[in-house]
């Protein structure tokens, strides 16, 4: 079984779904499912930053 986890901003969901559907087009039963779920939090591993705008992803700090 293959699993792909893809995160994107809210405004990109439809485009990402369209690309996946075109790439994985199949008429076979059991070909897979796409789940679209909200992301409640994002934590940057390298910095521990949790500043996030769900529509845009992590907010970068300005130097």
PDB file of N, CA and C in Angstrom:
ATOM      1  N   UNK A   1       0.849  -1.176   0.000  1.00  0.00           N
ATOM      2  CA  UNK A   1       0.000   0.000   0.000  1.00  0.00           C
ATOM      3  C   UNK A   1       0.896   1.242   0.000  1.00  0.00           C
ATOM      4  N   UNK A   2       0.516   2.219  -0.787  1.00  0.00           N
ATOM      5  CA  UNK A   2       1.226   3.497  -0.838  1.00  0.00           C
ATOM      6  C   UNK A   2       0.388   4.576  -0.189  1.00  0.00           C
ATOM      7  N   UNK A   3       1.054   5.462   0.517  1.00  0.00           N
ATOM      8  CA  UNK A   3       0.371   6.588   1.144  1.00  0.00           C
ATOM      9  C   UNK A   3       1.159   7.850   0.833  1.00  0.00           C
ATOM     10  N   UNK A   4       0.458   8.879   0.423  1.00  0.00           N
ATOM     11  CA  UNK A   4       1.080  10.180   0.203  1.00  0.00           C
ATOM     12  C   UNK A   4       0.369  11.196   1.075  1.00  0.00           C
ATOM     13  N   UNK A   5       1.135  11.978   1.794  1.00  0.00           N
ATOM     14  CA  UNK A   5       0.545  13.047   2.602  1.00  0.00           C
ATOM     15  C   UNK A   5       0.996  14.366   2.002  1.00  0.00           C
ATOM     16  N   UNK A   6       0.041  15.183   1.647  1.00  0.00           N
ATOM     17  CA  UNK A   6       0.334  16.445   0.981  1.00  0.00           C
ATOM     18  C   UNK A   6      -0.343  17.561   1.747  1.00  0.00           C
ATOM     19  N   UNK A   7       0.409  18.579   2.098  1.00  0.00           N
ATOM     20  CA  UNK A   7      -0.167  19.751   2.756  1.00  0.00           C
ATOM     21  C   UNK A   7      -0.126  20.932   1.813  1.00  0.00           C
ATOM     22  N   UNK A   8      -1.188  21.707   1.806  1.00  0.00           N
ATOM     23  CA  UNK A   8      -1.204  22.906   0.977  1.00  0.00           C
ATOM     24  C   UNK A   8      -2.119  23.941   1.619  1.00  0.00           C
ATOM     25  N   UNK A   9      -1.959  25.168   1.199  1.00  0.00           N
ATOM     26  CA  UNK A   9      -2.829  26.242   1.675  1.00  0.00           C
ATOM     27  C   UNK A   9      -4.253  25.992   1.185  1.00  0.00           C
ATOM     28  N   UNK A  10      -5.207  26.529   1.920  1.00  0.00           N
ATOM     29  CA  UNK A  10      -6.621  26.350   1.567  1.00  0.00           C
ATOM     30  C   UNK A  10      -6.899  26.700   0.109  1.00  0.00           C
ATOM     31  N   UNK A  11      -6.283  27.775  -0.364  1.00  0.00           N
ATOM     32  CA  UNK A  11      -6.568  28.230  -1.730  1.00  0.00           C
ATOM     33  C   UNK A  11      -6.047  27.270  -2.790  1.00  0.00           C
ATOM     34  N   UNK A  12      -5.147  26.327  -2.429  1.00  0.00           N
ATOM     35  CA  UNK A  12      -4.587  25.405  -3.406  1.00  0.00           C
ATOM     36  C   UNK A  12      -5.210  24.033  -3.422  1.00  0.00           C
ATOM     37  N   UNK A  13      -6.168  23.776  -2.545  1.00  0.00           N
ATOM     38  CA  UNK A  13      -6.732  22.435  -2.417  1.00  0.00           C
ATOM     39  C   UNK A  13      -7.332  21.938  -3.728  1.00  0.00           C
ATOM     40  N   UNK A  14      -8.128  22.729  -4.373  1.00  0.00           N
ATOM     41  CA  UNK A  14      -8.782  22.287  -5.612  1.00  0.00           C
ATOM     42  C   UNK A  14      -7.759  21.962  -6.696  1.00  0.00           C
ATOM     43  N   UNK A  15      -6.724  22.793  -6.833  1.00  0.00           N
ATOM     44  CA  UNK A  15      -5.690  22.535  -7.837  1.00  0.00           C
ATOM     45  C   UNK A  15      -4.940  21.244  -7.536  1.00  0.00           C
ATOM     46  N   UNK A  16      -4.590  21.030  -6.263  1.00  0.00           N
ATOM     47  CA  UNK A  16      -3.881  19.805  -5.880  1.00  0.00           C
ATOM     48  C   UNK A  16      -4.747  18.581  -6.158  1.00  0.00           C
ATOM     49  N   UNK A  17      -6.019  18.647  -5.801  1.00  0.00           N
ATOM     50  CA  UNK A  17      -6.923  17.528  -6.072  1.00  0.00           C
ATOM     51  C   UNK A  17      -7.006  17.229  -7.560  1.00  0.00           C
ATOM     52  N   UNK A  18      -7.106  18.256  -8.378  1.00  0.00           N
ATOM     53  CA  UNK A  18      -7.181  18.059  -9.829  1.00  0.00           C
ATOM     54  C   UNK A  18      -5.939  17.371 -10.375  1.00  0.00           C
ATOM     55  N   UNK A  19      -4.766  17.772  -9.892  1.00  0.00           N
ATOM     56  CA  UNK A  19      -3.513  17.159 -10.357  1.00  0.00           C
ATOM     57  C   UNK A  19      -3.465  15.685  -9.945  1.00  0.00           C
ATOM     58  N   UNK A  20      -3.815  15.401  -8.703  1.00  0.00           N
ATOM     59  CA  UNK A  20      -3.803  14.005  -8.240  1.00  0.00           C
ATOM     60  C   UNK A  20      -4.792  13.170  -9.036  1.00  0.00           C
ATOM     61  N   UNK A  21      -5.991  13.665  -9.232  1.00  0.00           N
ATOM     62  CA  UNK A  21      -7.008  12.916  -9.964  1.00  0.00           C
ATOM     63  C   UNK A  21      -6.575  12.631 -11.408  1.00  0.00           C
ATOM     64  N   UNK A  22      -5.968  13.610 -12.073  1.00  0.00           N
ATOM     65  CA  UNK A  22      -5.497  13.388 -13.448  1.00  0.00           C
ATOM     66  C   UNK A  22      -4.358  12.376 -13.482  1.00  0.00           C
ATOM     67  N   UNK A  23      -3.458  12.459 -12.500  1.00  0.00           N
ATOM     68  CA  UNK A  23      -2.289  11.581 -12.474  1.00  0.00           C
ATOM     69  C   UNK A  23      -2.647  10.151 -12.108  1.00  0.00           C
ATOM     70  N   UNK A  24      -3.643   9.986 -11.266  1.00  0.00           N
ATOM     71  CA  UNK A  24      -3.990   8.661 -10.750  1.00  0.00           C
ATOM     72  C   UNK A  24      -5.259   8.105 -11.366  1.00  0.00           C
ATOM     73  N   UNK A  25      -5.690   8.656 -12.473  1.00  0.00           N
ATOM     74  CA  UNK A  25      -6.960   8.250 -13.074  1.00  0.00           C
ATOM     75  C   UNK A  25      -7.021   6.746 -13.281  1.00  0.00           C
ATOM     76  N   UNK A  26      -8.089   6.149 -12.784  1.00  0.00           N
ATOM     77  CA  UNK A  26      -8.275   4.711 -12.889  1.00  0.00           C
ATOM     78  C   UNK A  26      -9.766   4.394 -12.812  1.00  0.00           C
ATOM     79  N   UNK A  27     -10.156   3.345 -13.496  1.00  0.00           N
ATOM     80  CA  UNK A  27     -11.542   2.885 -13.399  1.00  0.00           C
ATOM     81  C   UNK A  27     -11.636   1.636 -12.537  1.00  0.00           C
ATOM     82  N   UNK A  28     -10.492   1.199 -11.986  1.00  0.00           N
ATOM     83  CA  UNK A  28     -10.468  -0.007 -11.165  1.00  0.00           C
ATOM     84  C   UNK A  28     -10.993   0.259  -9.766  1.00  0.00           C
ATOM     85  N   UNK A  29     -11.817  -0.664  -9.282  1.00  0.00           N
ATOM     86  CA  UNK A  29     -12.288  -0.587  -7.910  1.00  0.00           C
ATOM     87  C   UNK A  29     -11.104  -0.765  -6.973  1.00  0.00           C
ATOM     88  N   UNK A  30     -11.068   0.011  -5.911  1.00  0.00           N
ATOM     89  CA  UNK A  30      -9.973  -0.094  -4.946  1.00  0.00           C
ATOM     90  C   UNK A  30      -8.741   0.694  -5.331  1.00  0.00           C
ATOM     91  N   UNK A  31      -8.860   1.584  -6.319  1.00  0.00           N
ATOM     92  CA  UNK A  31      -7.709   2.356  -6.781  1.00  0.00           C
ATOM     93  C   UNK A  31      -7.252   3.385  -5.756  1.00  0.00           C
ATOM     94  N   UNK A  32      -8.086   3.693  -4.778  1.00  0.00           N
ATOM     95  CA  UNK A  32      -7.656   4.610  -3.730  1.00  0.00           C
ATOM     96  C   UNK A  32      -8.705   5.643  -3.393  1.00  0.00           C
ATOM     97  N   UNK A  33      -8.385   6.393  -2.367  1.00  0.00           N
ATOM     98  CA  UNK A  33      -9.252   7.481  -1.909  1.00  0.00           C
ATOM     99  C   UNK A  33      -8.384   8.683  -1.617  1.00  0.00           C
ATOM    100  N   UNK A  34      -8.972   9.849  -1.707  1.00  0.00           N
ATOM    101  CA  UNK A  34      -8.296  11.092  -1.330  1.00  0.00           C
ATOM    102  C   UNK A  34      -9.079  11.684  -0.176  1.00  0.00           C
ATOM    103  N   UNK A  35      -8.405  11.922   0.911  1.00  0.00           N
ATOM    104  CA  UNK A  35      -9.027  12.537   2.082  1.00  0.00           C
ATOM    105  C   UNK A  35      -8.571  13.980   2.157  1.00  0.00           C
ATOM    106  N   UNK A  36      -9.502  14.879   2.356  1.00  0.00           N
ATOM    107  CA  UNK A  36      -9.177  16.292   2.532  1.00  0.00           C
ATOM    108  C   UNK A  36      -9.554  16.657   3.967  1.00  0.00           C
ATOM    109  N   UNK A  37      -8.552  17.026   4.743  1.00  0.00           N
ATOM    110  CA  UNK A  37      -8.752  17.304   6.164  1.00  0.00           C
ATOM    111  C   UNK A  37      -8.176  18.672   6.522  1.00  0.00           C
ATOM    112  N   UNK A  38      -8.797  19.352   7.473  1.00  0.00           N
ATOM    113  CA  UNK A  38      -8.216  20.624   7.926  1.00  0.00           C
ATOM    114  C   UNK A  38      -6.985  20.356   8.785  1.00  0.00           C
ATOM    115  N   UNK A  39      -6.050  21.259   8.746  1.00  0.00           N
ATOM    116  CA  UNK A  39      -4.854  21.171   9.587  1.00  0.00           C
ATOM    117  C   UNK A  39      -5.038  22.148  10.735  1.00  0.00           C
ATOM    118  N   UNK A  40      -5.051  21.619  11.936  1.00  0.00           N
ATOM    119  CA  UNK A  40      -5.272  22.447  13.124  1.00  0.00           C
ATOM    120  C   UNK A  40      -4.013  23.158  13.583  1.00  0.00           C
ATOM    121  N   UNK A  41      -2.859  22.550  13.358  1.00  0.00           N
ATOM    122  CA  UNK A  41      -1.602  23.155  13.797  1.00  0.00           C
ATOM    123  C   UNK A  41      -0.471  22.652  12.929  1.00  0.00           C
ATOM    124  N   UNK A  42       0.545  23.470  12.810  1.00  0.00           N
ATOM    125  CA  UNK A  42       1.765  23.111  12.097  1.00  0.00           C
ATOM    126  C   UNK A  42       2.929  23.513  12.994  1.00  0.00           C
ATOM    127  N   UNK A  43       3.869  22.606  13.172  1.00  0.00           N
ATOM    128  CA  UNK A  43       5.047  22.906  13.988  1.00  0.00           C
ATOM    129  C   UNK A  43       6.275  22.687  13.123  1.00  0.00           C
ATOM    130  N   UNK A  44       7.102  23.714  13.029  1.00  0.00           N
ATOM    131  CA  UNK A  44       8.351  23.586  12.270  1.00  0.00           C
ATOM    132  C   UNK A  44       9.356  22.853  13.160  1.00  0.00           C
ATOM    133  N   UNK A  45       9.833  21.701  12.724  1.00  0.00           N
ATOM    134  CA  UNK A  45      10.714  20.865  13.537  1.00  0.00           C
ATOM    135  C   UNK A  45      12.001  21.583  13.903  1.00  0.00           C
ATOM    136  N   UNK A  46      12.599  22.290  12.962  1.00  0.00           N
ATOM    137  CA  UNK A  46      13.909  22.904  13.209  1.00  0.00           C
ATOM    138  C   UNK A  46      13.865  24.041  14.215  1.00  0.00           C
ATOM    139  N   UNK A  47      12.720  24.744  14.319  1.00  0.00           N
ATOM    140  CA  UNK A  47      12.652  25.906  15.210  1.00  0.00           C
ATOM    141  C   UNK A  47      11.594  25.784  16.290  1.00  0.00           C
ATOM    142  N   UNK A  48      10.673  24.857  16.123  1.00  0.00           N
ATOM    143  CA  UNK A  48       9.563  24.736  17.062  1.00  0.00           C
ATOM    144  C   UNK A  48       8.493  25.786  16.845  1.00  0.00           C
ATOM    145  N   UNK A  49       8.629  26.597  15.794  1.00  0.00           N
ATOM    146  CA  UNK A  49       7.674  27.655  15.501  1.00  0.00           C
ATOM    147  C   UNK A  49       6.293  27.073  15.233  1.00  0.00           C
ATOM    148  N   UNK A  50       5.274  27.675  15.852  1.00  0.00           N
ATOM    149  CA  UNK A  50       3.899  27.235  15.615  1.00  0.00           C
ATOM    150  C   UNK A  50       3.060  28.362  15.033  1.00  0.00           C
ATOM    151  N   UNK A  51       3.693  29.474  14.673  1.00  0.00           N
ATOM    152  CA  UNK A  51       2.945  30.579  14.075  1.00  0.00           C
ATOM    153  C   UNK A  51       2.445  30.133  12.711  1.00  0.00           C
ATOM    154  N   UNK A  52       1.153  30.094  12.552  1.00  0.00           N
ATOM    155  CA  UNK A  52       0.577  29.538  11.330  1.00  0.00           C
ATOM    156  C   UNK A  52      -0.682  30.274  10.933  1.00  0.00           C
ATOM    157  N   UNK A  53      -0.808  30.547   9.653  1.00  0.00           N
ATOM    158  CA  UNK A  53      -2.046  31.046   9.065  1.00  0.00           C
ATOM    159  C   UNK A  53      -2.568  29.887   8.217  1.00  0.00           C
ATOM    160  N   UNK A  54      -3.683  29.266   8.590  1.00  0.00           N
ATOM    161  CA  UNK A  54      -4.160  28.080   7.866  1.00  0.00           C
ATOM    162  C   UNK A  54      -4.296  28.287   6.359  1.00  0.00           C
ATOM    163  N   UNK A  55      -4.552  29.503   5.941  1.00  0.00           N
ATOM    164  CA  UNK A  55      -4.719  29.754   4.513  1.00  0.00           C
ATOM    165  C   UNK A  55      -3.372  29.811   3.789  1.00  0.00           C
ATOM    166  N   UNK A  56      -2.280  30.134   4.523  1.00  0.00           N
ATOM    167  CA  UNK A  56      -0.980  30.310   3.870  1.00  0.00           C
ATOM    168  C   UNK A  56       0.113  29.398   4.386  1.00  0.00           C
ATOM    169  N   UNK A  57      -0.115  28.680   5.482  1.00  0.00           N
ATOM    170  CA  UNK A  57       0.927  27.820   6.027  1.00  0.00           C
ATOM    171  C   UNK A  57       1.737  28.566   7.077  1.00  0.00           C
ATOM    172  N   UNK A  58       2.942  28.105   7.326  1.00  0.00           N
ATOM    173  CA  UNK A  58       3.783  28.742   8.336  1.00  0.00           C
ATOM    174  C   UNK A  58       4.131  30.166   7.938  1.00  0.00           C
ATOM    175  N   UNK A  59       4.154  31.034   8.918  1.00  0.00           N
ATOM    176  CA  UNK A  59       4.543  32.426   8.683  1.00  0.00           C
ATOM    177  C   UNK A  59       6.026  32.543   8.999  1.00  0.00           C
ATOM    178  N   UNK A  60       6.806  32.999   8.056  1.00  0.00           N
ATOM    179  CA  UNK A  60       8.242  33.125   8.265  1.00  0.00           C
ATOM    180  C   UNK A  60       8.557  34.403   9.039  1.00  0.00           C
ATOM    181  N   UNK A  61       9.474  34.267   9.948  1.00  0.00           N
ATOM    182  CA  UNK A  61       9.930  35.441  10.692  1.00  0.00           C
ATOM    183  C   UNK A  61      10.860  36.241   9.815  1.00  0.00           C
ATOM    184  N   UNK A  62      10.751  37.539   9.899  1.00  0.00           N
ATOM    185  CA  UNK A  62      11.660  38.404   9.147  1.00  0.00           C
ATOM    186  C   UNK A  62      12.903  38.649   9.968  1.00  0.00           C
ATOM    187  N   UNK A  63      14.047  38.618   9.297  1.00  0.00           N
ATOM    188  CA  UNK A  63      15.325  38.808  10.003  1.00  0.00           C
ATOM    189  C   UNK A  63      15.551  40.266  10.331  1.00  0.00           C
TER     190      UNK A  63
END
